[in-house]
Amino acid sequence: MLQYQPGMDLADTYITFVRQNQDILRDKVNEEMYIENMFDQWYTSSMKVICVWLTDRLDLQLHLYQLKTLIKIVKKSYRDFRLQGVLEGTLNCKAYETIHTRLTVEEATASVSDGGGLQGITMKDSDEESEDVK
């Protein structure tokens, strides 16, 4: 039985929207170099927007809802764009690294102050998560 996680509907809706549009573009555009360049720019722009939003709130702690939503969006975006052929150098851009660091710090703070409020949502890579289960 899956436990309902309040607030994840926003992240899920965004992720579904991005995936559907990636599929549409793959189906409609035949020029691979154009598609790769477009996905690179899309990913980079998305990460820059999130990074700017977090930078504007540098002196504020994120609400648990914001933190959970951003973690899910950032992790799924990284994985989805990697599956679309975006290279590691682009995926690990400065904006992504800044976001990853900020969300990891926020996650640690939330886990100490809220005790389990993240309900299993974490910035850990899936490889690390599966090692913890073993």
Protein backbone atom coordinates (compact mmCIF):
# COMPACT_ATOMS: atom_id res chain seq x y z
CA MET A 1 0.00 0.00 0.00
CA LEU A 2 1.44 3.36 -1.01
CA GLN A 3 1.45 6.14 1.53
CA TYR A 4 0.01 9.39 0.18
CA GLN A 5 2.56 12.19 0.29
CA PRO A 6 0.84 15.57 0.40
CA GLY A 7 2.25 18.08 -2.03
CA MET A 8 3.78 15.55 -4.38
CA ASP A 9 0.95 16.08 -6.85
CA LEU A 10 2.59 19.34 -8.00
CA ALA A 11 5.93 17.61 -8.59
CA ASP A 12 4.24 14.65 -10.30
CA THR A 13 2.22 16.94 -12.58
CA TYR A 14 5.34 18.87 -13.59
CA ILE A 15 7.34 15.71 -14.24
CA THR A 16 4.52 14.22 -16.33
CA PHE A 17 4.28 17.46 -18.33
CA VAL A 18 8.03 17.44 -19.08
CA ARG A 19 8.04 13.74 -20.03
CA GLN A 20 5.07 14.13 -22.36
CA ASN A 21 6.71 17.07 -24.10
CA GLN A 22 10.00 15.21 -24.43
CA ASP A 23 8.13 12.35 -26.11
CA ILE A 24 6.28 14.73 -28.44
CA LEU A 25 9.54 16.40 -29.49
CA ARG A 26 11.25 13.04 -30.06
CA ASP A 27 8.31 11.95 -32.25
CA LYS A 28 8.03 15.16 -34.28
CA VAL A 29 11.63 16.29 -34.78
CA ASN A 30 13.85 14.03 -36.85
CA GLU A 31 17.14 15.94 -36.62
CA GLU A 32 19.07 14.31 -33.73
CA MET A 33 21.61 17.13 -33.32
CA TYR A 34 18.78 19.67 -33.05
CA ILE A 35 16.97 17.53 -30.45
CA GLU A 36 20.13 17.06 -28.37
CA ASN A 37 20.86 20.78 -28.42
CA MET A 38 17.26 21.60 -27.50
CA PHE A 39 17.26 19.15 -24.56
CA ASP A 40 20.61 20.56 -23.37
CA GLN A 41 19.21 24.09 -23.41
CA TRP A 42 15.92 23.02 -21.82
CA TYR A 43 17.70 21.26 -18.95
CA THR A 44 20.20 24.09 -18.41
CA SER A 45 17.44 26.71 -18.42
CA SER A 46 15.32 24.71 -15.99
CA MET A 47 18.21 24.34 -13.56
CA LYS A 48 19.06 28.05 -13.83
CA VAL A 49 15.48 29.04 -13.00
CA ILE A 50 15.46 26.81 -9.91
CA CYS A 51 18.91 28.05 -8.90
CA VAL A 52 17.87 31.72 -9.18
CA TRP A 53 14.69 31.01 -7.20
CA LEU A 54 16.76 29.36 -4.43
CA THR A 55 19.35 32.15 -4.51
CA ASP A 56 16.63 34.75 -4.05
CA ARG A 57 15.65 32.86 -0.89
CA LEU A 58 19.16 32.20 0.37
CA ASP A 59 18.45 33.65 3.82
CA LEU A 60 15.20 31.70 4.21
CA GLN A 61 14.74 28.06 5.12
CA LEU A 62 12.54 26.21 2.64
CA HIS A 63 9.16 25.00 3.80
CA LEU A 64 8.94 21.20 3.93
CA TYR A 65 6.47 21.23 1.02
CA GLN A 66 8.88 23.32 -1.11
CA LEU A 67 11.80 21.08 -0.21
CA LYS A 68 10.03 17.82 -1.05
CA THR A 69 8.68 19.21 -4.31
CA LEU A 70 12.04 20.60 -5.43
CA ILE A 71 13.94 17.42 -4.53
CA LYS A 72 11.56 15.32 -6.59
CA ILE A 73 11.57 17.71 -9.57
CA VAL A 74 15.36 18.10 -9.61
CA LYS A 75 16.09 14.37 -9.27
CA LYS A 76 13.53 13.31 -11.88
CA SER A 77 14.63 16.06 -14.28
CA TYR A 78 18.26 14.96 -13.97
CA ARG A 79 17.36 11.32 -14.68
CA ASP A 80 14.90 12.08 -17.48
CA PHE A 81 17.24 14.42 -19.33
CA ARG A 82 20.08 11.94 -18.92
CA LEU A 83 17.85 9.32 -20.57
CA GLN A 84 17.22 11.80 -23.40
CA GLY A 85 20.96 11.93 -24.10
CA VAL A 86 22.03 15.04 -22.20
CA LEU A 87 25.70 14.56 -21.34
CA GLU A 88 27.13 14.46 -17.81
CA GLY A 89 28.98 17.75 -18.30
CA THR A 90 25.69 19.51 -18.98
CA LEU A 91 23.76 17.59 -16.34
CA ASN A 92 26.28 18.53 -13.65
CA CYS A 93 26.38 22.22 -14.55
CA LYS A 94 27.16 24.85 -11.92
CA ALA A 95 23.45 25.57 -11.38
CA TYR A 96 22.72 21.89 -10.70
CA GLU A 97 25.65 21.62 -8.28
CA THR A 98 24.43 24.72 -6.42
CA ILE A 99 20.89 23.33 -6.26
CA HIS A 100 22.11 19.91 -5.11
CA THR A 101 24.20 21.43 -2.32
CA ARG A 102 21.37 23.70 -1.13
CA LEU A 103 18.74 20.95 -1.15
CA THR A 104 21.08 18.53 0.63
CA VAL A 105 21.68 21.10 3.40
CA GLU A 106 17.95 21.86 3.61
CA GLU A 107 17.21 18.13 3.77
CA ALA A 108 19.65 17.65 6.65
CA THR A 109 18.17 20.61 8.51
CA ALA A 110 14.62 19.35 7.97
CA SER A 111 15.46 15.83 9.12
CA VAL A 112 16.91 17.18 12.37
CA SER A 113 14.19 19.72 13.07
CA ASP A 114 11.14 17.89 11.69
CA GLY A 115 12.09 14.26 12.28
CA GLY A 116 10.85 12.23 9.33
CA GLY A 117 8.76 14.90 7.63
CA LEU A 118 10.41 14.20 4.29
CA GLN A 119 8.76 10.77 4.17
CA GLY A 120 11.62 9.04 2.34
CA ILE A 121 12.27 11.81 -0.18
CA THR A 122 15.99 12.48 -0.36
CA MET A 123 18.67 13.96 -2.61
CA LYS A 124 20.62 10.67 -2.45
CA ASP A 125 21.19 8.99 -5.78
CA SER A 126 19.17 5.84 -6.39
CA ASP A 127 22.43 3.84 -6.33
CA GLU A 128 23.15 5.06 -2.81
CA GLU A 129 19.57 4.36 -1.74
CA SER A 130 19.73 0.77 -3.00
CA GLU A 131 23.01 0.24 -1.13
CA ASP A 132 21.34 1.38 2.09
CA VAL A 133 18.67 -1.29 1.63
CA LYS A 134 21.16 -4.18 1.22
